[in-house]
Amino acid sequence: MKCDVAIVGAGPAGLCLARALDGMGLDIRLFDASPQESLACPAEDGREIALTHASQAVLERIGVWQRLDPESLSELRDAAVFDGESARPMRITHADGGHERLGTLVSNHHIRRAAWEAVADQKGVEVDTGVTVDTTELSAAGRRLGLSDGRSVEAGLVIAADSRFSGLRRAAGIGARMRDFGRSMLLARVALEQDHEHVAWEWFGYDRTLALLPLNGRRASAVITLPHEQARRLSQVDEADFNREVTGMYRDRLGAMRLEGQRHLYPLVGVWPDRLVAERLAAVGDAAVGMHPVTAHGFNLGLTGIDILSGEMQRAAGRGQPVSQLAVLKAYQRRHRLASLPLYLATASVVGLYTDDRLPARILRRSALRVANRVAPFRQAVARQLTGKGGFPGPLALVRGSGQ
């Protein structure tokens, strides 16, 4: 088999990149280990993605946003951060960001389904499911991929979109630095006794971190970060005990909380690859940077990278140059790193501070929230970051959601 672009991984990043390359006359093939039915109708995975206005604009341009059911979209109007036992949060409102809302919450599986439907209607794209890429090596035509079913494909450009633990990135000789945060994140959709008023919460306790993401109706996504063993236990207790424990964790602020559906458990691991490109290969999405999910930068940053890479390829094609040349890929890497490195470092610093239970850290983070709550320019800068217009990714960035 031969193609212009081979995308390995038909998750949201791989599918959205295929959509972003539409109209360029490229022969595109996607490869994914999952069966086609699970890609066409993805299972609910507990992750709620807090999309910025900028990300919404990208999804609109590539024809994915239009396929989302309006009933699946939940408004993220305001945000609040609690620290320790404090009853008064720091509050960021939509007015601080200059919009009618800070962002929009949408379930990850809804985004995956919409992206799949858009690609299914796209000319010049073929999808191979139930197959893995086992080897990659440079060839005269670009890169040769060895598939698990014994076939091989010659691609002018190969895209690694196969998760933060990308096997393709590793096979291409690209190393990565990984940070295990020593905790796991439990996600559960819950019914609430009281109205959340579309306000997202982040609560930094002294032994846990809690978030509450507002969904339509009196429902929300509870995001509970605990040491691995504690999170595992909470994921397995019976439903009555879970409801009682979680209601207590949230201090009855919205009344009784009742589990709806399944619980999902994810270990927290950050990944920073040594580089994003090699000869005839580029990494996108989580394969390009695996953010701590508590900031919800993951998918938004992934869309930023996809927008950058597709733009560089389109400009190269307009100049009559090969879209796979190393100069094009390095331009993508440079711009992506400029966008992602400050966020990656700042997120690690904020997570470190707000999960440190020592007394000096408690004093510092409480002081930071008090000062920030009183300084309008700081709140506005954080609101711009939440809406995708830039700004400092301070502690309020942590209310952004649970998805990648």
Protein backbone atom coordinates (compact mmCIF):
# COMPACT_ATOMS: atom_id res chain seq x y z
CA MET A 1 0.00 0.00 0.00
CA LYS A 2 1.07 3.56 -0.63
CA CYS A 3 -0.30 6.87 0.65
CA ASP A 4 0.71 10.48 1.11
CA VAL A 5 -0.08 10.59 4.85
CA ALA A 6 -0.45 7.69 7.28
CA ILE A 7 -2.05 8.61 10.61
CA VAL A 8 -1.54 6.05 13.36
CA GLY A 9 -4.31 6.41 15.93
CA ALA A 10 -7.95 7.16 15.09
CA GLY A 11 -8.73 8.93 18.34
CA PRO A 12 -9.89 12.56 18.45
CA ALA A 13 -6.43 13.93 17.51
CA GLY A 14 -5.89 11.62 14.54
CA LEU A 15 -9.42 12.08 13.23
CA CYS A 16 -9.32 15.87 13.61
CA LEU A 17 -5.99 16.07 11.78
CA ALA A 18 -7.45 14.06 8.89
CA ARG A 19 -10.31 16.57 8.78
CA ALA A 20 -7.89 19.52 8.90
CA LEU A 21 -6.08 18.13 5.83
CA ASP A 22 -9.29 17.91 3.81
CA GLY A 23 -9.14 19.69 0.46
CA MET A 24 -5.38 19.33 0.00
CA GLY A 25 -5.68 16.41 -2.44
CA LEU A 26 -3.76 14.05 -0.16
CA ASP A 27 -4.26 10.30 -0.03
CA ILE A 28 -4.70 9.65 3.71
CA ARG A 29 -4.85 6.35 5.59
CA LEU A 30 -5.69 5.95 9.27
CA PHE A 31 -4.69 2.90 11.31
CA ASP A 32 -6.14 1.95 14.69
CA ALA A 33 -6.08 -1.16 16.84
CA SER A 34 -9.74 -0.82 17.85
CA PRO A 35 -12.55 -2.46 15.87
CA GLN A 36 -14.56 -0.17 13.63
CA GLU A 37 -17.74 -0.46 15.69
CA SER A 38 -16.01 0.94 18.80
CA LEU A 39 -14.69 3.90 16.78
CA ALA A 40 -18.05 4.61 15.16
CA CYS A 41 -19.91 4.31 18.48
CA PRO A 42 -17.35 5.00 21.23
CA ALA A 43 -18.20 4.06 24.79
CA GLU A 44 -18.66 6.69 27.48
CA ASP A 45 -15.31 7.07 29.28
CA GLY A 46 -16.15 9.60 31.99
CA ARG A 47 -14.06 12.40 30.54
CA GLU A 48 -15.68 15.81 30.11
CA ILE A 49 -13.71 18.14 27.83
CA ALA A 50 -13.77 21.86 28.63
CA LEU A 51 -13.42 23.42 25.20
CA THR A 52 -12.13 26.97 24.83
CA HIS A 53 -13.63 29.39 22.34
CA ALA A 54 -10.51 28.95 20.20
CA SER A 55 -10.94 25.17 20.17
CA GLN A 56 -14.57 25.54 19.21
CA ALA A 57 -13.50 27.69 16.26
CA VAL A 58 -11.06 24.97 15.09
CA LEU A 59 -13.74 22.28 15.37
CA GLU A 60 -16.13 24.47 13.39
CA ARG A 61 -13.56 24.99 10.62
CA ILE A 62 -12.96 21.26 10.22
CA GLY A 63 -16.65 20.37 10.29
CA VAL A 64 -16.76 18.50 13.61
CA TRP A 65 -18.56 21.00 15.85
CA GLN A 66 -21.60 21.01 13.55
CA ARG A 67 -22.05 17.28 14.15
CA LEU A 68 -22.30 17.60 17.93
CA ASP A 69 -25.81 17.32 19.35
CA PRO A 70 -26.61 20.71 20.97
CA GLU A 71 -28.19 18.77 23.85
CA SER A 72 -24.74 17.27 24.61
CA LEU A 73 -23.16 20.72 25.17
CA SER A 74 -23.06 22.18 28.67
CA GLU A 75 -22.22 25.79 29.42
CA LEU A 76 -19.24 26.55 31.64
CA ARG A 77 -20.30 29.96 32.88
CA ASP A 78 -18.16 30.73 35.94
CA ALA A 79 -15.45 29.05 37.99
CA ALA A 80 -14.52 28.92 41.66
CA VAL A 81 -11.48 27.66 43.59
CA PHE A 82 -11.62 26.60 47.25
CA ASP A 83 -8.55 25.98 49.37
CA GLY A 84 -8.46 23.75 52.43
CA GLU A 85 -11.37 24.38 54.77
CA SER A 86 -12.08 27.87 53.42
CA ALA A 87 -15.75 28.53 52.73
CA ARG A 88 -15.04 31.54 50.46
CA PRO A 89 -13.66 30.67 47.02
CA MET A 90 -11.79 32.74 44.50
CA ARG A 91 -14.32 33.33 41.74
CA ILE A 92 -13.82 33.96 38.02
CA THR A 93 -16.90 35.01 36.07
CA HIS A 94 -17.66 34.99 32.37
CA ALA A 95 -17.60 38.80 32.51
CA ASP A 96 -13.88 38.64 33.38
CA GLY A 97 -13.30 36.86 30.07
CA GLY A 98 -15.49 39.15 28.01
CA HIS A 99 -17.81 36.33 26.87
CA GLU A 100 -21.21 34.99 27.81
CA ARG A 101 -19.42 31.87 29.10
CA LEU A 102 -15.91 30.73 29.94
CA GLY A 103 -16.16 27.65 27.73
CA THR A 104 -18.24 24.64 26.81
CA LEU A 105 -18.22 21.17 28.36
CA VAL A 106 -18.73 18.19 26.07
CA SER A 107 -18.15 14.50 26.74
CA ASN A 108 -15.09 13.00 25.10
CA HIS A 109 -17.07 10.18 23.47
CA HIS A 110 -19.36 12.72 21.79
CA ILE A 111 -16.33 14.45 20.25
CA ARG A 112 -14.95 11.10 19.09
CA ARG A 113 -18.25 10.13 17.46
CA ALA A 114 -18.63 13.50 15.70
CA ALA A 115 -15.03 13.36 14.41
CA TRP A 116 -15.52 9.80 13.15
CA GLU A 117 -18.71 10.76 11.30
CA ALA A 118 -16.94 13.70 9.66
CA VAL A 119 -14.03 11.55 8.49
CA ALA A 120 -16.38 8.80 7.26
CA ASP A 121 -17.83 11.29 4.76
CA GLN A 122 -14.42 12.60 3.67
CA LYS A 123 -13.03 11.77 0.24
CA GLY A 124 -9.45 10.56 0.01
CA VAL A 125 -9.41 8.93 3.47
CA GLU A 126 -9.32 5.21 4.18
CA VAL A 127 -9.41 3.69 7.66
CA ASP A 128 -7.85 0.36 8.63
CA THR A 129 -9.19 -0.89 11.96
CA GLY A 130 -8.18 -3.80 14.15
CA VAL A 131 -4.54 -3.42 13.14
CA THR A 132 -1.43 -2.12 14.90
CA VAL A 133 1.75 -0.62 13.52
CA ASP A 134 4.63 -2.79 14.70
CA THR A 135 7.64 -1.26 12.90
CA THR A 136 8.69 1.89 11.10
CA GLU A 137 11.76 2.64 9.03
CA LEU A 138 12.85 5.19 6.45
CA SER A 139 12.44 4.16 2.82
CA ALA A 140 13.00 5.68 -0.58
CA ALA A 141 9.40 6.92 -0.68
CA GLY A 142 9.26 8.18 2.90
CA ARG A 143 8.53 5.71 5.71
CA ARG A 144 7.58 2.08 5.60
CA LEU A 145 5.20 0.87 8.28
CA GLY A 146 4.97 -2.81 9.16
CA LEU A 147 1.45 -3.81 10.21
CA SER A 148 0.39 -6.54 12.61
CA ASP A 149 -1.45 -8.43 9.85
CA GLY A 150 1.71 -8.79 7.80
CA ARG A 151 1.05 -5.97 5.35
CA SER A 152 3.23 -2.90 4.93
CA VAL A 153 2.48 0.64 3.82
CA GLU A 154 4.73 3.24 2.21
CA ALA A 155 3.84 6.75 3.40
CA GLY A 156 5.29 10.09 2.42
CA LEU A 157 4.55 11.34 5.96
CA VAL A 158 3.66 9.42 9.10
CA ILE A 159 1.70 10.96 11.99
CA ALA A 160 1.95 9.51 15.50
CA ALA A 161 -1.43 10.07 17.17
CA ASP A 162 -1.34 6.93 19.31
CA SER A 163 -1.52 8.35 22.87
CA ARG A 164 0.99 9.86 25.30
CA PHE A 165 2.66 6.45 25.54
CA SER A 166 3.10 6.37 21.76
CA GLY A 167 4.76 3.20 20.50
CA LEU A 168 5.31 4.79 17.09
CA ARG A 169 7.12 7.76 18.64
CA ARG A 170 9.41 5.37 20.49
CA ALA A 171 9.97 3.20 17.39
CA ALA A 172 11.12 6.34 15.55
CA GLY A 173 13.81 6.86 18.20
CA ILE A 174 12.14 9.73 20.05
CA GLY A 175 12.49 9.50 23.82
CA ALA A 176 10.22 11.13 26.40
CA ARG A 177 10.34 12.27 30.01
CA MET A 178 7.51 10.90 32.11
CA ARG A 179 6.31 12.11 35.49
CA ASP A 180 4.10 9.89 37.59
CA PHE A 181 2.22 12.19 39.96
CA GLY A 182 1.57 9.31 42.35
CA ARG A 183 -2.18 9.76 42.24
CA SER A 184 -5.18 8.59 40.28
CA MET A 185 -8.23 10.48 39.09
CA LEU A 186 -11.69 9.03 39.66
CA LEU A 187 -14.43 10.31 37.35
CA ALA A 188 -18.11 9.82 38.06
CA ARG A 189 -21.27 11.45 36.78
CA VAL A 190 -23.55 12.40 39.67
CA ALA A 191 -27.03 13.79 40.21
CA LEU A 192 -27.20 16.80 42.54
CA GLU A 193 -29.82 17.84 45.05
CA GLN A 194 -29.18 21.56 44.39
CA ASP A 195 -28.51 23.60 41.25
CA HIS A 196 -24.83 24.11 40.29
CA GLU A 197 -25.70 27.27 38.29
CA HIS A 198 -23.15 26.17 35.66
CA VAL A 199 -20.23 27.01 37.95
CA ALA A 200 -17.17 24.74 37.85
CA TRP A 201 -15.41 24.08 41.15
CA GLU A 202 -11.89 23.12 42.10
CA TRP A 203 -11.29 22.31 45.76
CA PHE A 204 -7.78 21.74 47.09
CA GLY A 205 -8.13 19.76 50.28
CA TYR A 206 -5.15 18.76 52.38
CA ASP A 207 -5.34 15.11 51.32
CA ARG A 208 -7.22 15.27 48.02
CA THR A 209 -8.23 17.47 45.09
CA LEU A 210 -11.87 17.70 44.07
CA ALA A 211 -13.47 19.22 41.01
CA LEU A 212 -17.08 19.51 39.95
CA LEU A 213 -17.91 20.13 36.29
CA PRO A 214 -21.45 21.37 35.60
CA LEU A 215 -23.55 19.36 33.15
CA ASN A 216 -27.05 20.08 31.92
CA GLY A 217 -29.74 19.81 34.56
CA ARG A 218 -28.84 19.08 38.16
CA ARG A 219 -26.03 16.81 37.09
CA ALA A 220 -22.26 17.13 37.20
CA SER A 221 -19.01 15.27 36.68
CA ALA A 222 -17.24 14.65 39.98
CA VAL A 223 -13.45 14.57 39.53
CA ILE A 224 -11.70 13.15 42.61
CA THR A 225 -7.90 12.95 42.79
CA LEU A 226 -6.45 10.70 45.48
CA PRO A 227 -3.42 8.49 46.08
CA HIS A 228 -3.73 5.38 43.88
CA GLU A 229 -4.94 2.94 46.53
CA GLN A 230 -7.54 5.32 47.98
CA ALA A 231 -8.90 6.10 44.51
CA ARG A 232 -9.05 2.39 43.65
CA ARG A 233 -11.01 1.65 46.84
CA LEU A 234 -13.51 4.43 46.14
CA SER A 235 -14.01 3.11 42.62
CA GLN A 236 -15.04 -0.30 44.03
CA VAL A 237 -17.24 0.46 47.06
CA ASP A 238 -20.96 -0.19 46.66
CA GLU A 239 -23.13 2.60 45.31
CA ALA A 240 -24.72 3.59 48.63
CA ASP A 241 -21.32 3.94 50.30
CA PHE A 242 -20.00 5.86 47.31
CA ASN A 243 -22.89 8.33 47.42
CA ARG A 244 -22.42 8.89 51.15
CA GLU A 245 -18.63 9.30 50.94
CA VAL A 246 -18.67 11.65 47.95
CA THR A 247 -21.42 13.82 49.43
CA GLY A 248 -19.26 14.16 52.53
CA MET A 249 -16.14 14.95 50.50
CA TYR A 250 -17.96 17.88 48.89
CA ARG A 251 -19.20 19.04 52.32
CA ASP A 252 -22.88 18.87 51.25
CA ARG A 253 -22.36 22.14 49.36
CA LEU A 254 -24.88 21.05 46.71
CA GLY A 255 -26.80 18.63 48.90
CA ALA A 256 -26.87 14.89 48.41
CA MET A 257 -24.95 13.48 45.45
CA ARG A 258 -26.06 10.29 43.71
CA LEU A 259 -24.03 8.20 41.27
CA GLU A 260 -25.28 7.94 37.69
CA GLY A 261 -23.58 5.36 35.49
CA GLN A 262 -20.10 3.92 35.82
CA ARG A 263 -16.99 5.08 37.63
CA HIS A 264 -13.74 5.54 35.69
CA LEU A 265 -10.22 5.50 37.10
CA TYR A 266 -7.14 7.03 35.42
CA PRO A 267 -3.54 7.23 36.71
CA LEU A 268 -1.99 10.69 36.46
CA VAL A 269 1.17 10.66 34.33
CA GLY A 270 2.65 13.63 32.47
CA VAL A 271 4.75 13.08 29.32
CA TRP A 272 7.14 15.48 27.61
CA PRO A 273 8.77 14.05 24.43
CA ASP A 274 12.36 15.05 23.64
CA ARG A 275 11.15 16.24 20.24
CA LEU A 276 8.01 16.13 18.11
CA VAL A 277 9.41 15.29 14.70
CA ALA A 278 11.84 13.01 12.89
CA GLU A 279 12.50 12.46 9.21
CA ARG A 280 9.05 12.01 7.60
CA LEU A 281 7.30 11.77 10.99
CA ALA A 282 5.46 14.10 13.38
CA ALA A 283 3.66 13.54 16.69
CA VAL A 284 0.32 15.19 17.46
CA GLY A 285 -2.19 15.23 20.32
CA ASP A 286 -1.15 13.42 23.49
CA ALA A 287 1.79 11.90 21.59
CA ALA A 288 3.16 15.45 21.29
CA VAL A 289 2.65 16.34 24.96
CA GLY A 290 0.83 14.52 27.74
CA MET A 291 -0.49 17.20 30.09
CA HIS A 292 -1.63 16.67 33.66
CA PRO A 293 -5.38 16.23 32.97
CA VAL A 294 -6.53 18.40 35.88
CA THR A 295 -5.87 21.51 33.76
CA ALA A 296 -7.81 20.17 30.73
CA HIS A 297 -5.22 21.68 28.42
CA GLY A 298 -4.78 18.30 26.73
CA PHE A 299 -7.35 18.28 23.94
CA ASN A 300 -7.32 22.06 23.53
CA LEU A 301 -3.55 21.98 23.12
CA GLY A 302 -3.92 19.01 20.78
CA LEU A 303 -6.24 21.04 18.55
CA THR A 304 -3.75 23.92 18.62
CA GLY A 305 -1.04 21.55 17.38
CA ILE A 306 -3.29 20.15 14.66
CA ASP A 307 -4.11 23.67 13.51
CA ILE A 308 -0.40 24.55 13.41
CA LEU A 309 0.70 21.40 11.55
CA SER A 310 -2.08 21.51 8.96
CA GLY A 311 -1.39 25.22 8.41
CA GLU A 312 2.33 24.60 7.83
CA MET A 313 1.51 21.80 5.39
CA GLN A 314 -0.96 23.97 3.48
CA ARG A 315 1.56 26.80 3.18
CA ALA A 316 4.21 24.37 1.90
CA ALA A 317 1.78 23.00 -0.68
CA GLY A 318 0.95 26.55 -1.75
CA ARG A 319 4.66 27.14 -2.40
CA GLY A 320 4.87 23.95 -4.42
CA GLN A 321 7.00 22.22 -1.76
CA PRO A 322 6.52 18.70 -0.33
CA VAL A 323 4.36 18.78 2.78
CA SER A 324 6.58 16.10 4.33
CA GLN A 325 9.87 17.97 4.16
CA LEU A 326 11.75 18.30 7.43
CA ALA A 327 11.68 22.13 7.35
CA VAL A 328 7.86 22.02 7.43
CA LEU A 329 7.85 19.60 10.36
CA LYS A 330 10.43 21.62 12.29
CA ALA A 331 8.36 24.78 11.84
CA TYR A 332 5.45 22.89 13.39
CA GLN A 333 7.65 21.67 16.25
CA ARG A 334 8.95 25.16 16.99
CA ARG A 335 5.52 26.76 17.12
CA HIS A 336 3.98 23.90 19.10
CA ARG A 337 6.74 24.04 21.70
CA LEU A 338 6.29 27.79 22.06
CA ALA A 339 2.62 27.18 22.84
CA SER A 340 3.00 24.09 25.03
CA LEU A 341 6.20 24.51 27.07
CA PRO A 342 5.00 27.46 29.24
CA LEU A 343 1.72 25.62 29.92
CA TYR A 344 3.48 22.35 30.73
CA LEU A 345 5.90 23.96 33.17
CA ALA A 346 3.32 26.24 34.76
CA THR A 347 0.88 23.35 35.17
CA ALA A 348 3.52 21.22 36.88
CA SER A 349 4.33 24.11 39.23
CA VAL A 350 0.70 24.80 40.09
CA VAL A 351 -0.06 21.11 40.61
CA GLY A 352 3.03 20.81 42.81
CA LEU A 353 1.99 23.75 44.96
CA TYR A 354 -1.66 22.80 45.28
CA THR A 355 -0.97 19.17 46.18
CA ASP A 356 1.71 20.00 48.77
CA ASP A 357 0.26 19.58 52.26
CA ARG A 358 3.20 21.09 54.14
CA LEU A 359 2.46 24.23 56.13
CA PRO A 360 4.54 26.68 54.01
CA ALA A 361 2.76 25.51 50.85
CA ARG A 362 -0.64 25.84 52.54
CA ILE A 363 0.14 29.44 53.52
CA LEU A 364 1.48 30.33 50.07
CA ARG A 365 -1.44 28.92 48.10
CA ARG A 366 -4.04 30.47 50.41
CA SER A 367 -2.30 33.85 50.11
CA ALA A 368 -2.12 33.49 46.33
CA LEU A 369 -5.86 32.87 46.08
CA ARG A 370 -6.70 35.82 48.33
CA VAL A 371 -4.53 38.21 46.35
CA ALA A 372 -5.77 36.91 43.00
CA ASN A 373 -9.39 37.27 44.07
CA ARG A 374 -8.83 40.97 44.78
CA VAL A 375 -6.81 41.84 41.67
CA ALA A 376 -9.08 42.29 38.65
CA PRO A 377 -6.28 42.18 36.02
CA PHE A 378 -5.18 38.78 37.34
CA ARG A 379 -8.73 37.41 37.21
CA GLN A 380 -9.10 38.75 33.68
CA ALA A 381 -5.81 37.15 32.61
CA VAL A 382 -6.92 33.80 33.99
CA ALA A 383 -10.30 34.19 32.28
CA ARG A 384 -8.53 34.84 28.97
CA GLN A 385 -6.57 31.64 29.50
CA LEU A 386 -9.76 29.74 30.23
CA THR A 387 -11.45 31.05 27.08
CA GLY A 388 -8.40 30.33 24.93
CA LYS A 389 -7.19 33.90 24.48
CA GLY A 390 -3.97 33.49 26.44
CA GLY A 391 -3.02 34.65 29.90
CA PHE A 392 -1.30 33.08 32.87
CA PRO A 393 -2.37 29.48 33.65
CA GLY A 394 -2.79 30.11 37.35
CA PRO A 395 -4.78 28.08 39.90
CA LEU A 396 -8.08 28.90 38.23
CA ALA A 397 -6.89 26.98 35.18
CA LEU A 398 -7.39 23.88 37.27
CA VAL A 399 -11.17 24.11 37.10
CA ARG A 400 -11.03 23.52 33.37
CA GLY A 401 -11.97 19.88 33.42
CA SER A 402 -10.90 16.27 33.31
CA GLY A 403 -10.30 15.50 29.70
CA GLN A 404 -7.27 15.07 27.38
